[in-house]
Protein backbone atom coordinates (compact mmCIF):
# COMPACT_ATOMS: atom_id res chain seq x y z
CA MET A 1 -122.98 -131.23 -114.36
CA PHE A 2 -122.65 -129.25 -111.11
CA ASN A 3 -120.98 -125.84 -110.96
CA ARG A 4 -122.11 -124.51 -107.58
CA ILE A 5 -122.81 -126.69 -104.54
CA LEU A 6 -124.58 -125.33 -101.46
CA VAL A 7 -124.05 -127.09 -98.13
CA PRO A 8 -126.44 -125.89 -95.41
CA THR A 9 -125.08 -126.78 -91.97
CA ASP A 10 -126.32 -126.84 -88.41
CA PHE A 11 -122.86 -128.03 -87.27
CA SER A 12 -124.15 -131.52 -86.44
CA GLU A 13 -122.50 -134.82 -87.34
CA PRO A 14 -124.84 -135.41 -90.32
CA SER A 15 -124.05 -131.89 -91.56
CA ASP A 16 -120.33 -132.57 -91.29
CA ALA A 17 -120.82 -135.82 -93.24
CA ALA A 18 -122.75 -133.89 -95.89
CA LEU A 19 -119.88 -131.39 -96.15
CA GLN A 20 -117.46 -134.26 -96.74
CA TYR A 21 -119.69 -135.65 -99.52
CA ALA A 22 -119.95 -132.16 -101.02
CA ARG A 23 -116.15 -131.76 -101.00
CA THR A 24 -115.82 -134.99 -102.98
CA LEU A 25 -118.48 -133.92 -105.48
CA ALA A 26 -117.02 -130.43 -105.87
CA ALA A 27 -113.58 -131.88 -106.57
CA LYS A 28 -114.98 -134.41 -109.05
CA PHE A 29 -117.06 -131.87 -111.00
CA GLY A 30 -114.80 -128.84 -110.57
CA ALA A 31 -117.63 -127.11 -108.74
CA SER A 32 -117.37 -124.39 -106.13
CA LEU A 33 -118.42 -125.21 -102.57
CA HIS A 34 -120.47 -122.90 -100.37
CA LEU A 35 -121.07 -123.61 -96.68
CA PHE A 36 -124.24 -121.93 -95.45
CA HIS A 37 -125.76 -121.52 -91.99
CA VAL A 38 -129.08 -120.03 -90.97
CA VAL A 39 -129.22 -118.49 -87.52
CA GLU A 40 -132.76 -119.32 -86.47
CA ASP A 41 -134.67 -116.37 -85.10
CA GLN A 42 -136.25 -118.31 -82.21
CA PHE A 43 -138.31 -115.37 -81.02
CA VAL A 44 -140.12 -115.25 -84.36
CA THR A 45 -139.96 -118.88 -85.54
CA GLY A 46 -140.78 -120.49 -82.19
CA PRO A 47 -144.18 -121.91 -81.29
CA PHE A 48 -145.81 -118.48 -80.93
CA GLY A 49 -143.97 -116.74 -83.75
CA ALA A 50 -147.04 -116.32 -85.91
CA GLU A 51 -149.10 -114.78 -83.10
CA MET A 52 -146.69 -112.35 -81.47
CA TYR A 53 -143.39 -110.55 -81.76
CA VAL A 54 -140.87 -110.55 -78.94
CA PRO A 55 -137.79 -108.34 -79.40
CA HIS A 56 -134.36 -109.92 -78.95
CA PRO A 57 -132.30 -109.17 -75.89
CA PRO A 58 -129.50 -106.81 -77.00
CA GLY A 59 -126.63 -108.57 -78.73
CA THR A 60 -128.30 -112.00 -79.10
CA LEU A 61 -128.16 -112.21 -82.89
CA SER A 62 -124.63 -110.80 -82.95
CA TYR A 63 -123.52 -113.45 -80.47
CA LEU A 64 -125.21 -116.29 -82.38
CA THR A 65 -123.74 -115.09 -85.68
CA ALA A 66 -120.21 -114.78 -84.23
CA GLU A 67 -120.51 -118.25 -82.68
CA ALA A 68 -121.66 -119.68 -86.03
CA GLN A 69 -118.75 -117.98 -87.84
CA GLY A 70 -116.35 -119.67 -85.46
CA HIS A 71 -117.88 -123.05 -86.30
CA MET A 72 -117.69 -122.26 -90.04
CA ASN A 73 -114.01 -121.37 -89.79
CA THR A 74 -113.21 -124.79 -88.33
CA ARG A 75 -114.99 -126.58 -91.17
CA ILE A 76 -113.64 -124.74 -94.23
CA SER A 77 -109.86 -124.85 -94.59
CA ALA A 78 -107.57 -122.59 -96.58
CA GLU A 79 -107.12 -125.53 -98.96
CA ASP A 80 -110.93 -125.70 -99.45
CA ARG A 81 -110.99 -121.97 -100.20
CA THR A 82 -108.29 -122.39 -102.84
CA ALA A 83 -108.98 -125.78 -104.43
CA LEU A 84 -112.79 -125.71 -104.22
CA ARG A 85 -113.31 -121.94 -104.25
CA ALA A 86 -115.13 -122.48 -100.94
CA THR A 87 -117.01 -119.67 -99.25
CA THR A 88 -119.14 -119.31 -96.13
CA GLU A 89 -122.33 -117.35 -95.50
CA ILE A 90 -124.51 -116.83 -92.44
CA ILE A 91 -128.04 -115.42 -92.63
CA VAL A 92 -130.71 -114.88 -89.96
CA GLY A 93 -134.07 -116.42 -90.86
CA THR A 94 -136.18 -119.54 -90.89
CA ALA A 95 -133.93 -122.46 -91.86
CA ALA A 96 -135.88 -124.35 -94.52
CA ARG A 97 -137.36 -121.35 -96.31
CA THR A 98 -134.09 -119.40 -96.19
CA ILE A 99 -132.09 -122.33 -97.62
CA VAL A 100 -134.51 -122.79 -100.54
CA GLU A 101 -134.67 -119.06 -101.32
CA TYR A 102 -130.90 -118.59 -101.03
CA ALA A 103 -130.22 -121.53 -103.36
CA ALA A 104 -132.66 -120.23 -105.97
CA ASP A 105 -131.54 -116.60 -105.73
CA ASN A 106 -127.86 -117.53 -106.10
CA GLY A 107 -128.07 -120.15 -108.85
CA TYR A 108 -126.94 -123.27 -107.01
CA ASP A 109 -126.98 -126.52 -109.01
CA LEU A 110 -127.04 -128.88 -106.02
CA ILE A 111 -127.81 -128.76 -102.32
CA VAL A 112 -126.04 -131.31 -100.10
CA MET A 113 -127.33 -131.43 -96.54
CA GLY A 114 -127.44 -133.65 -93.51
CA THR A 115 -130.61 -135.01 -91.98
CA HIS A 116 -131.15 -136.04 -88.40
CA GLY A 117 -133.70 -138.71 -89.32
CA ARG A 118 -136.27 -137.65 -86.74
CA THR A 119 -139.28 -139.93 -86.53
CA GLY A 120 -142.50 -140.12 -84.58
CA LEU A 121 -143.51 -137.26 -82.33
CA ALA A 122 -140.22 -135.38 -82.76
CA HIS A 123 -140.79 -135.30 -86.54
CA VAL A 124 -144.37 -134.11 -86.10
CA LEU A 125 -143.48 -131.38 -83.59
CA VAL A 126 -140.16 -130.20 -85.00
CA GLY A 127 -140.60 -131.16 -88.65
CA SER A 128 -137.75 -131.70 -91.00
CA VAL A 129 -135.74 -128.92 -92.56
CA ALA A 130 -134.28 -131.40 -95.06
CA GLU A 131 -137.76 -132.66 -96.00
CA HIS A 132 -138.98 -129.13 -96.68
CA VAL A 133 -135.88 -128.33 -98.73
CA VAL A 134 -136.26 -131.53 -100.78
CA ARG A 135 -139.90 -130.68 -101.52
CA SER A 136 -139.33 -127.00 -102.30
CA ALA A 137 -135.88 -126.59 -103.88
CA HIS A 138 -135.52 -125.76 -107.56
CA CYS A 139 -132.41 -127.95 -107.85
CA PRO A 140 -131.47 -131.51 -106.81
CA VAL A 141 -130.98 -132.11 -103.09
CA LEU A 142 -128.69 -134.84 -101.74
CA THR A 143 -129.45 -135.69 -98.11
CA VAL A 144 -126.89 -137.46 -95.95
CA HIS A 145 -127.87 -139.45 -92.89
CA THR A 146 -124.67 -141.06 -91.75
CA ARG A 147 -121.82 -140.69 -89.34
CA LEU A 148 -118.79 -138.74 -90.54
CA GLU A 149 -116.41 -141.68 -90.13
CA GLN A 150 -118.48 -143.67 -92.65
CA VAL A 151 -118.27 -141.09 -95.44
CA ALA A 152 -114.94 -142.20 -96.91
CA LEU A 153 -115.79 -145.91 -96.86
CA PRO A 154 -116.84 -147.65 -100.07
CA VAL A 155 -120.51 -148.70 -100.07
CA SER A 156 -119.78 -152.40 -99.43
CA GLU A 157 -117.61 -151.55 -96.41
CA ARG A 158 -120.22 -149.09 -95.09
CA LYS A 159 -122.83 -151.87 -95.11
CA VAL A 160 -120.47 -154.14 -93.15
CA ALA A 161 -119.67 -151.34 -90.67
CA ALA A 162 -123.38 -150.57 -90.19
CA ALA A 163 -124.20 -154.24 -89.65
CA THR A 164 -121.54 -154.58 -86.95
CA THR A 165 -122.52 -151.49 -84.92
């Protein structure tokens, strides 16, 4: 059913939980796993991005990309690379649009991503990358809003754990 699974990450706890779900799915379906991070270009995508262009201080994008690569290396093991044919990719852009375009351009069958579950004013001001991806992606999108330690629990035990916290 799924051959290629894309896992966008912002290195948050919901993203790590999504990666764990994606590992399970990749193993079950024999799919390859691809961890993906978008380095946000804050000078262009910030609140004034549409009205003006501000050049980056020298080395900013290189630093952010190197920092992201370090985070990626801690999340994808040698075993993942072998057993799940896991790869990593980092691209500079606008998160939601870049994720959707990358998935379509590279033939992914499923996107598995974490969501922070923002509500109220934070949701209005910041928006939701996951929401945009769900609305725009050409393939199914599985969103994960949970803590990493709950991922491996069966559903009945997760409900008990959630009720007790």
